[in-house]
Amino acid sequence: MGVQFEAHGQFRTWVEGRLIFSDVVGPWNRELVEQCAAELHGHALALAGGPHVGLAIVRESLLCPPDAFEALRRMIAYGAAHLRCIGNAIVAGPGVEGRRLMRPLYQGLYDGRTPHCLADDEHTARAWALALLAQQGY
């Protein structure tokens, strides 16, 4: 097992209907991803196993070390395979550090797992997520 650090970054999570939100301030590390994943897992279970869409709003920075990125990959794969996450959206506006560099990498997190949307604003991401849920009858 690797070295354990204090969580770096900030997050908060909440649920609106079948949308599970995370508001994340980066940069962050693996420990923060693991804390956030535990909260998101609880929200997904509270939806009684019904389908949901994850919507992450990223502020300040998309940057994270490789072990945090790998933790994100595991979290996304687990949500799709076991928690009925049918899609994911990330909001990273033009002022978010690392946006151009990291967007292609984040796209790869979802390829082959869930439909995804990389949006510049919350309105666009929310509309996309609600349309995806509507296709499933929700």
N, C-alpha and C. Protein backbone atom coordinates (compact mmCIF):
# COMPACT_ATOMS: atom_id res chain seq x y z
N MET A 1 0.84 -1.17 0.00
CA MET A 1 0.00 0.00 0.00
C MET A 1 0.88 1.23 0.00
N GLY A 2 0.47 2.26 -0.70
CA GLY A 2 1.23 3.49 -0.79
C GLY A 2 1.11 4.34 0.46
N VAL A 3 1.81 5.43 0.43
CA VAL A 3 1.79 6.39 1.53
C VAL A 3 0.41 7.03 1.62
N GLN A 4 -0.08 7.20 2.81
CA GLN A 4 -1.37 7.85 3.04
C GLN A 4 -1.13 9.32 3.37
N PHE A 5 -1.77 10.21 2.65
CA PHE A 5 -1.66 11.64 2.88
C PHE A 5 -3.00 12.18 3.34
N GLU A 6 -2.98 13.40 3.84
CA GLU A 6 -4.23 14.12 4.10
C GLU A 6 -4.89 14.41 2.75
N ALA A 7 -6.19 14.49 2.75
CA ALA A 7 -6.91 14.82 1.51
C ALA A 7 -6.56 16.25 1.10
N HIS A 8 -6.29 16.42 -0.19
CA HIS A 8 -6.03 17.75 -0.75
C HIS A 8 -7.13 18.05 -1.73
N GLY A 9 -7.63 19.28 -1.70
CA GLY A 9 -8.78 19.67 -2.49
C GLY A 9 -10.00 19.73 -1.59
N GLN A 10 -11.12 20.02 -2.18
CA GLN A 10 -12.37 20.09 -1.43
C GLN A 10 -13.49 19.51 -2.28
N PHE A 11 -14.51 19.00 -1.62
CA PHE A 11 -15.69 18.53 -2.35
C PHE A 11 -16.91 18.60 -1.45
N ARG A 12 -18.04 18.63 -2.09
CA ARG A 12 -19.32 18.40 -1.42
C ARG A 12 -20.20 17.68 -2.41
N THR A 13 -21.12 16.88 -1.91
CA THR A 13 -22.00 16.09 -2.77
C THR A 13 -23.45 16.29 -2.34
N TRP A 14 -24.36 16.10 -3.29
CA TRP A 14 -25.79 16.14 -3.00
C TRP A 14 -26.54 15.48 -4.14
N VAL A 15 -27.83 15.24 -3.89
CA VAL A 15 -28.69 14.57 -4.86
C VAL A 15 -29.85 15.49 -5.21
N GLU A 16 -30.16 15.56 -6.48
CA GLU A 16 -31.37 16.23 -6.98
C GLU A 16 -32.05 15.25 -7.92
N GLY A 17 -33.16 14.68 -7.48
CA GLY A 17 -33.84 13.68 -8.30
C GLY A 17 -32.93 12.49 -8.52
N ARG A 18 -32.60 12.23 -9.77
CA ARG A 18 -31.70 11.12 -10.11
C ARG A 18 -30.34 11.64 -10.57
N LEU A 19 -30.04 12.87 -10.23
CA LEU A 19 -28.72 13.44 -10.49
C LEU A 19 -27.93 13.45 -9.19
N ILE A 20 -26.73 12.89 -9.22
CA ILE A 20 -25.85 12.93 -8.06
C ILE A 20 -24.72 13.90 -8.38
N PHE A 21 -24.70 15.00 -7.64
CA PHE A 21 -23.75 16.08 -7.88
C PHE A 21 -22.53 15.95 -6.98
N SER A 22 -21.41 16.37 -7.53
CA SER A 22 -20.22 16.61 -6.72
C SER A 22 -19.63 17.94 -7.19
N ASP A 23 -19.39 18.79 -6.24
CA ASP A 23 -18.76 20.08 -6.50
C ASP A 23 -17.34 19.95 -5.95
N VAL A 24 -16.36 20.01 -6.84
CA VAL A 24 -14.98 19.69 -6.47
C VAL A 24 -14.08 20.89 -6.76
N VAL A 25 -13.25 21.22 -5.79
CA VAL A 25 -12.24 22.26 -5.96
C VAL A 25 -10.89 21.55 -6.02
N GLY A 26 -10.21 21.69 -7.14
CA GLY A 26 -8.92 21.04 -7.31
C GLY A 26 -7.79 22.04 -7.25
N PRO A 27 -6.59 21.54 -7.28
CA PRO A 27 -6.21 20.15 -7.52
C PRO A 27 -6.52 19.27 -6.30
N TRP A 28 -6.61 17.96 -6.56
CA TRP A 28 -6.93 17.02 -5.49
C TRP A 28 -5.99 15.82 -5.57
N ASN A 29 -6.06 15.00 -4.52
CA ASN A 29 -5.24 13.79 -4.49
C ASN A 29 -6.12 12.55 -4.34
N ARG A 30 -5.48 11.38 -4.32
CA ARG A 30 -6.21 10.11 -4.24
C ARG A 30 -7.09 10.05 -2.99
N GLU A 31 -6.58 10.53 -1.88
CA GLU A 31 -7.33 10.47 -0.63
C GLU A 31 -8.64 11.23 -0.74
N LEU A 32 -8.63 12.36 -1.43
CA LEU A 32 -9.88 13.11 -1.62
C LEU A 32 -10.83 12.33 -2.52
N VAL A 33 -10.31 11.74 -3.59
CA VAL A 33 -11.15 10.94 -4.49
C VAL A 33 -11.81 9.81 -3.71
N GLU A 34 -11.07 9.14 -2.85
CA GLU A 34 -11.63 8.03 -2.08
C GLU A 34 -12.70 8.50 -1.11
N GLN A 35 -12.51 9.66 -0.48
CA GLN A 35 -13.55 10.20 0.40
C GLN A 35 -14.80 10.55 -0.39
N CYS A 36 -14.61 11.20 -1.51
CA CYS A 36 -15.74 11.59 -2.35
C CYS A 36 -16.48 10.34 -2.86
N ALA A 37 -15.72 9.32 -3.28
CA ALA A 37 -16.33 8.08 -3.78
C ALA A 37 -17.21 7.43 -2.73
N ALA A 38 -16.78 7.46 -1.47
CA ALA A 38 -17.58 6.87 -0.39
C ALA A 38 -18.91 7.61 -0.24
N GLU A 39 -18.87 8.93 -0.30
CA GLU A 39 -20.13 9.70 -0.21
C GLU A 39 -21.03 9.44 -1.41
N LEU A 40 -20.45 9.43 -2.60
CA LEU A 40 -21.25 9.19 -3.81
C LEU A 40 -21.86 7.80 -3.79
N HIS A 41 -21.12 6.82 -3.27
CA HIS A 41 -21.64 5.46 -3.13
C HIS A 41 -22.89 5.45 -2.26
N GLY A 42 -22.83 6.15 -1.14
CA GLY A 42 -24.00 6.24 -0.25
C GLY A 42 -25.20 6.89 -0.94
N HIS A 43 -24.96 7.93 -1.71
CA HIS A 43 -26.07 8.58 -2.45
C HIS A 43 -26.68 7.61 -3.46
N ALA A 44 -25.83 6.88 -4.18
CA ALA A 44 -26.35 5.93 -5.17
C ALA A 44 -27.18 4.85 -4.51
N LEU A 45 -26.74 4.34 -3.37
CA LEU A 45 -27.51 3.32 -2.65
C LEU A 45 -28.85 3.88 -2.18
N ALA A 46 -28.87 5.15 -1.79
CA ALA A 46 -30.11 5.77 -1.32
C ALA A 46 -31.14 5.90 -2.43
N LEU A 47 -30.70 5.83 -3.68
CA LEU A 47 -31.64 5.88 -4.81
C LEU A 47 -32.24 4.51 -5.09
N ALA A 48 -32.08 3.58 -4.18
CA ALA A 48 -32.68 2.24 -4.24
C ALA A 48 -32.31 1.50 -5.51
N GLY A 49 -31.06 1.69 -5.94
CA GLY A 49 -30.59 0.94 -7.10
C GLY A 49 -31.11 1.44 -8.43
N GLY A 50 -31.84 2.55 -8.43
CA GLY A 50 -32.34 3.08 -9.70
C GLY A 50 -31.24 3.78 -10.47
N PRO A 51 -31.47 3.97 -11.76
CA PRO A 51 -30.44 4.63 -12.56
C PRO A 51 -30.24 6.08 -12.12
N HIS A 52 -29.03 6.54 -12.31
CA HIS A 52 -28.71 7.92 -11.99
C HIS A 52 -27.59 8.39 -12.91
N VAL A 53 -27.39 9.69 -12.92
CA VAL A 53 -26.30 10.30 -13.69
C VAL A 53 -25.45 11.10 -12.71
N GLY A 54 -24.14 10.96 -12.82
CA GLY A 54 -23.21 11.73 -12.01
C GLY A 54 -22.89 13.04 -12.71
N LEU A 55 -22.90 14.13 -11.95
CA LEU A 55 -22.59 15.44 -12.51
C LEU A 55 -21.57 16.12 -11.61
N ALA A 56 -20.35 16.25 -12.10
CA ALA A 56 -19.26 16.86 -11.33
C ALA A 56 -19.01 18.27 -11.83
N ILE A 57 -19.01 19.20 -10.91
CA ILE A 57 -18.68 20.59 -11.21
C ILE A 57 -17.28 20.83 -10.65
N VAL A 58 -16.33 21.08 -11.53
CA VAL A 58 -14.94 21.25 -11.12
C VAL A 58 -14.59 22.73 -11.13
N ARG A 59 -14.00 23.15 -10.04
CA ARG A 59 -13.58 24.54 -9.89
C ARG A 59 -12.07 24.60 -9.67
N GLU A 60 -11.48 25.67 -10.09
CA GLU A 60 -10.07 26.01 -9.93
C GLU A 60 -9.13 25.14 -10.74
N SER A 61 -9.15 23.81 -10.59
CA SER A 61 -8.16 22.98 -11.30
C SER A 61 -8.68 21.57 -11.55
N LEU A 62 -8.36 21.03 -12.74
CA LEU A 62 -8.63 19.64 -13.09
C LEU A 62 -7.42 18.75 -12.81
N LEU A 63 -6.34 19.34 -12.35
CA LEU A 63 -5.09 18.59 -12.19
C LEU A 63 -5.13 17.68 -10.97
N CYS A 64 -4.53 16.52 -11.13
CA CYS A 64 -4.39 15.57 -10.03
C CYS A 64 -3.25 14.61 -10.37
N PRO A 65 -2.65 13.98 -9.36
CA PRO A 65 -1.56 13.04 -9.64
C PRO A 65 -2.10 11.73 -10.24
N PRO A 66 -1.23 10.92 -10.82
CA PRO A 66 -1.66 9.68 -11.46
C PRO A 66 -2.46 8.74 -10.55
N ASP A 67 -2.11 8.63 -9.27
CA ASP A 67 -2.87 7.71 -8.40
C ASP A 67 -4.28 8.22 -8.15
N ALA A 68 -4.48 9.53 -8.15
CA ALA A 68 -5.83 10.09 -8.02
C ALA A 68 -6.63 9.83 -9.29
N PHE A 69 -5.97 9.96 -10.42
CA PHE A 69 -6.64 9.70 -11.69
C PHE A 69 -7.06 8.23 -11.79
N GLU A 70 -6.19 7.33 -11.33
CA GLU A 70 -6.53 5.91 -11.32
C GLU A 70 -7.69 5.63 -10.36
N ALA A 71 -7.73 6.32 -9.22
CA ALA A 71 -8.86 6.16 -8.29
C ALA A 71 -10.16 6.64 -8.95
N LEU A 72 -10.10 7.72 -9.72
CA LEU A 72 -11.28 8.17 -10.46
C LEU A 72 -11.74 7.10 -11.45
N ARG A 73 -10.78 6.51 -12.16
CA ARG A 73 -11.11 5.46 -13.14
C ARG A 73 -11.83 4.29 -12.45
N ARG A 74 -11.31 3.86 -11.30
CA ARG A 74 -11.95 2.76 -10.55
C ARG A 74 -13.36 3.16 -10.09
N MET A 75 -13.50 4.40 -9.61
CA MET A 75 -14.80 4.87 -9.13
C MET A 75 -15.83 4.87 -10.27
N ILE A 76 -15.44 5.34 -11.42
CA ILE A 76 -16.36 5.40 -12.56
C ILE A 76 -16.74 4.00 -13.02
N ALA A 77 -15.76 3.11 -13.12
CA ALA A 77 -16.04 1.74 -13.55
C ALA A 77 -16.97 1.04 -12.56
N TYR A 78 -16.73 1.23 -11.27
CA TYR A 78 -17.57 0.61 -10.25
C TYR A 78 -19.00 1.15 -10.32
N GLY A 79 -19.14 2.45 -10.45
CA GLY A 79 -20.47 3.05 -10.54
C GLY A 79 -21.27 2.53 -11.72
N ALA A 80 -20.60 2.38 -12.86
CA ALA A 80 -21.28 1.87 -14.06
C ALA A 80 -21.65 0.40 -13.91
N ALA A 81 -20.75 -0.39 -13.33
CA ALA A 81 -20.97 -1.84 -13.23
C ALA A 81 -21.89 -2.25 -12.09
N HIS A 82 -21.90 -1.49 -10.99
CA HIS A 82 -22.59 -1.96 -9.78
C HIS A 82 -23.65 -1.02 -9.22
N LEU A 83 -23.64 0.25 -9.62
CA LEU A 83 -24.54 1.22 -8.98
C LEU A 83 -25.52 1.87 -9.95
N ARG A 84 -25.61 1.34 -11.15
CA ARG A 84 -26.54 1.82 -12.18
C ARG A 84 -26.31 3.28 -12.55
N CYS A 85 -25.06 3.69 -12.55
CA CYS A 85 -24.73 5.01 -13.08
C CYS A 85 -24.78 4.89 -14.60
N ILE A 86 -25.72 5.60 -15.23
CA ILE A 86 -25.91 5.45 -16.67
C ILE A 86 -25.22 6.55 -17.47
N GLY A 87 -24.59 7.50 -16.81
CA GLY A 87 -23.89 8.56 -17.51
C GLY A 87 -23.17 9.47 -16.53
N ASN A 88 -22.22 10.21 -17.06
CA ASN A 88 -21.44 11.15 -16.25
C ASN A 88 -21.20 12.43 -17.02
N ALA A 89 -21.30 13.54 -16.32
CA ALA A 89 -20.99 14.84 -16.91
C ALA A 89 -19.98 15.55 -16.03
N ILE A 90 -19.05 16.22 -16.67
CA ILE A 90 -18.08 17.06 -15.96
C ILE A 90 -18.22 18.47 -16.49
N VAL A 91 -18.35 19.41 -15.57
CA VAL A 91 -18.36 20.82 -15.91
C VAL A 91 -17.00 21.40 -15.53
N ALA A 92 -16.31 21.95 -16.51
CA ALA A 92 -15.04 22.63 -16.27
C ALA A 92 -15.02 23.86 -17.17
N GLY A 93 -15.31 25.00 -16.59
CA GLY A 93 -15.38 26.23 -17.35
C GLY A 93 -14.03 26.68 -17.87
N PRO A 94 -14.03 27.69 -18.72
CA PRO A 94 -12.80 28.17 -19.35
C PRO A 94 -11.70 28.57 -18.38
N GLY A 95 -12.02 28.98 -17.18
CA GLY A 95 -11.00 29.41 -16.23
C GLY A 95 -10.39 28.30 -15.39
N VAL A 96 -10.81 27.06 -15.59
CA VAL A 96 -10.31 25.94 -14.79
C VAL A 96 -8.91 25.54 -15.26
N GLU A 97 -7.97 25.53 -14.33
CA GLU A 97 -6.58 25.19 -14.63
C GLU A 97 -6.48 23.76 -15.18
N GLY A 98 -5.69 23.59 -16.21
CA GLY A 98 -5.46 22.27 -16.79
C GLY A 98 -6.57 21.78 -17.69
N ARG A 99 -7.53 22.64 -17.98
CA ARG A 99 -8.71 22.23 -18.76
C ARG A 99 -8.33 21.65 -20.11
N ARG A 100 -7.54 22.36 -20.88
CA ARG A 100 -7.17 21.86 -22.21
C ARG A 100 -6.32 20.60 -22.13
N LEU A 101 -5.40 20.58 -21.22
CA LEU A 101 -4.51 19.44 -21.05
C LEU A 101 -5.27 18.19 -20.61
N MET A 102 -6.16 18.34 -19.63
CA MET A 102 -6.80 17.19 -18.99
C MET A 102 -8.08 16.71 -19.66
N ARG A 103 -8.76 17.55 -20.42
CA ARG A 103 -10.04 17.13 -21.01
C ARG A 103 -9.94 15.83 -21.80
N PRO A 104 -8.93 15.66 -22.67
CA PRO A 104 -8.84 14.38 -23.38
C PRO A 104 -8.63 13.20 -22.44
N LEU A 105 -7.88 13.40 -21.37
CA LEU A 105 -7.67 12.32 -20.41
C LEU A 105 -8.96 11.97 -19.68
N TYR A 106 -9.72 12.99 -19.31
CA TYR A 106 -11.00 12.73 -18.64
C TYR A 106 -11.97 12.05 -19.58
N GLN A 107 -11.96 12.41 -20.85
CA GLN A 107 -12.81 11.74 -21.83
C GLN A 107 -12.54 10.24 -21.81
N GLY A 108 -11.26 9.88 -21.74
CA GLY A 108 -10.88 8.47 -21.72
C GLY A 108 -11.36 7.72 -20.48
N LEU A 109 -11.62 8.44 -19.39
CA LEU A 109 -12.14 7.78 -18.18
C LEU A 109 -13.50 7.12 -18.44
N TYR A 110 -14.28 7.73 -19.31
CA TYR A 110 -15.66 7.28 -19.52
C TYR A 110 -15.83 6.41 -20.75
N ASP A 111 -14.93 6.50 -21.71
CA ASP A 111 -15.07 5.73 -22.95
C ASP A 111 -15.22 4.25 -22.62
N GLY A 112 -16.26 3.66 -23.18
CA GLY A 112 -16.52 2.24 -22.97
C GLY A 112 -17.20 1.92 -21.65
N ARG A 113 -17.46 2.95 -20.82
CA ARG A 113 -18.10 2.71 -19.52
C ARG A 113 -19.50 3.32 -19.48
N THR A 114 -19.58 4.62 -19.66
CA THR A 114 -20.87 5.29 -19.66
C THR A 114 -20.85 6.41 -20.70
N PRO A 115 -22.03 6.79 -21.18
CA PRO A 115 -22.09 8.02 -21.97
C PRO A 115 -21.56 9.16 -21.09
N HIS A 116 -21.01 10.18 -21.73
CA HIS A 116 -20.43 11.26 -20.95
C HIS A 116 -20.54 12.58 -21.69
N CYS A 117 -20.44 13.63 -20.90
CA CYS A 117 -20.52 14.99 -21.41
C CYS A 117 -19.46 15.81 -20.70
N LEU A 118 -18.64 16.49 -21.45
CA LEU A 118 -17.66 17.42 -20.90
C LEU A 118 -18.14 18.81 -21.29
N ALA A 119 -18.68 19.53 -20.33
CA ALA A 119 -19.36 20.80 -20.61
C ALA A 119 -18.62 21.98 -20.01
N ASP A 120 -18.88 23.15 -20.60
CA ASP A 120 -18.30 24.40 -20.10
C ASP A 120 -19.13 25.02 -18.99
N ASP A 121 -20.41 24.60 -18.87
CA ASP A 121 -21.28 25.21 -17.87
C ASP A 121 -22.27 24.18 -17.33
N GLU A 122 -22.78 24.47 -16.15
CA GLU A 122 -23.70 23.54 -15.47
C GLU A 122 -25.01 23.37 -16.23
N HIS A 123 -25.52 24.43 -16.83
CA HIS A 123 -26.79 24.35 -17.55
C HIS A 123 -26.71 23.30 -18.67
N THR A 124 -25.64 23.34 -19.44
CA THR A 124 -25.46 22.37 -20.53
C THR A 124 -25.36 20.95 -19.99
N ALA A 125 -24.58 20.76 -18.94
CA ALA A 125 -24.41 19.42 -18.36
C ALA A 125 -25.72 18.90 -17.79
N ARG A 126 -26.46 19.75 -17.10
CA ARG A 126 -27.74 19.34 -16.51
C ARG A 126 -28.73 18.94 -17.60
N ALA A 127 -28.81 19.73 -18.65
CA ALA A 127 -29.73 19.41 -19.76
C ALA A 127 -29.37 18.06 -20.38
N TRP A 128 -28.08 17.84 -20.59
CA TRP A 128 -27.62 16.57 -21.15
C TRP A 128 -28.01 15.42 -20.23
N ALA A 129 -27.76 15.56 -18.93
CA ALA A 129 -28.05 14.50 -17.96
C ALA A 129 -29.55 14.20 -17.89
N LEU A 130 -30.36 15.23 -17.87
CA LEU A 130 -31.81 15.02 -17.81
C LEU A 130 -32.33 14.35 -19.08
N ALA A 131 -31.77 14.70 -20.23
CA ALA A 131 -32.16 14.03 -21.49
C ALA A 131 -31.78 12.56 -21.45
N LEU A 132 -30.61 12.25 -20.91
CA LEU A 132 -30.19 10.85 -20.80
C LEU A 132 -31.13 10.07 -19.89
N LEU A 133 -31.50 10.66 -18.77
CA LEU A 133 -32.46 10.00 -17.87
C LEU A 133 -33.83 9.83 -18.53
N ALA A 134 -34.26 10.83 -19.30
CA ALA A 134 -35.56 10.75 -20.00
C ALA A 134 -35.56 9.59 -21.00
N GLN A 135 -34.43 9.35 -21.63
CA GLN A 135 -34.34 8.20 -22.56
C GLN A 135 -34.56 6.88 -21.84
N GLN A 136 -34.28 6.85 -20.55
CA GLN A 136 -34.47 5.65 -19.73
C GLN A 136 -35.84 5.62 -19.05
N GLY A 137 -36.66 6.63 -19.33
CA GLY A 137 -38.00 6.70 -18.75
C GLY A 137 -38.04 7.37 -17.38
N TYR A 138 -37.03 8.17 -17.04
CA TYR A 138 -37.00 8.86 -15.74
C TYR A 138 -37.01 10.36 -15.93
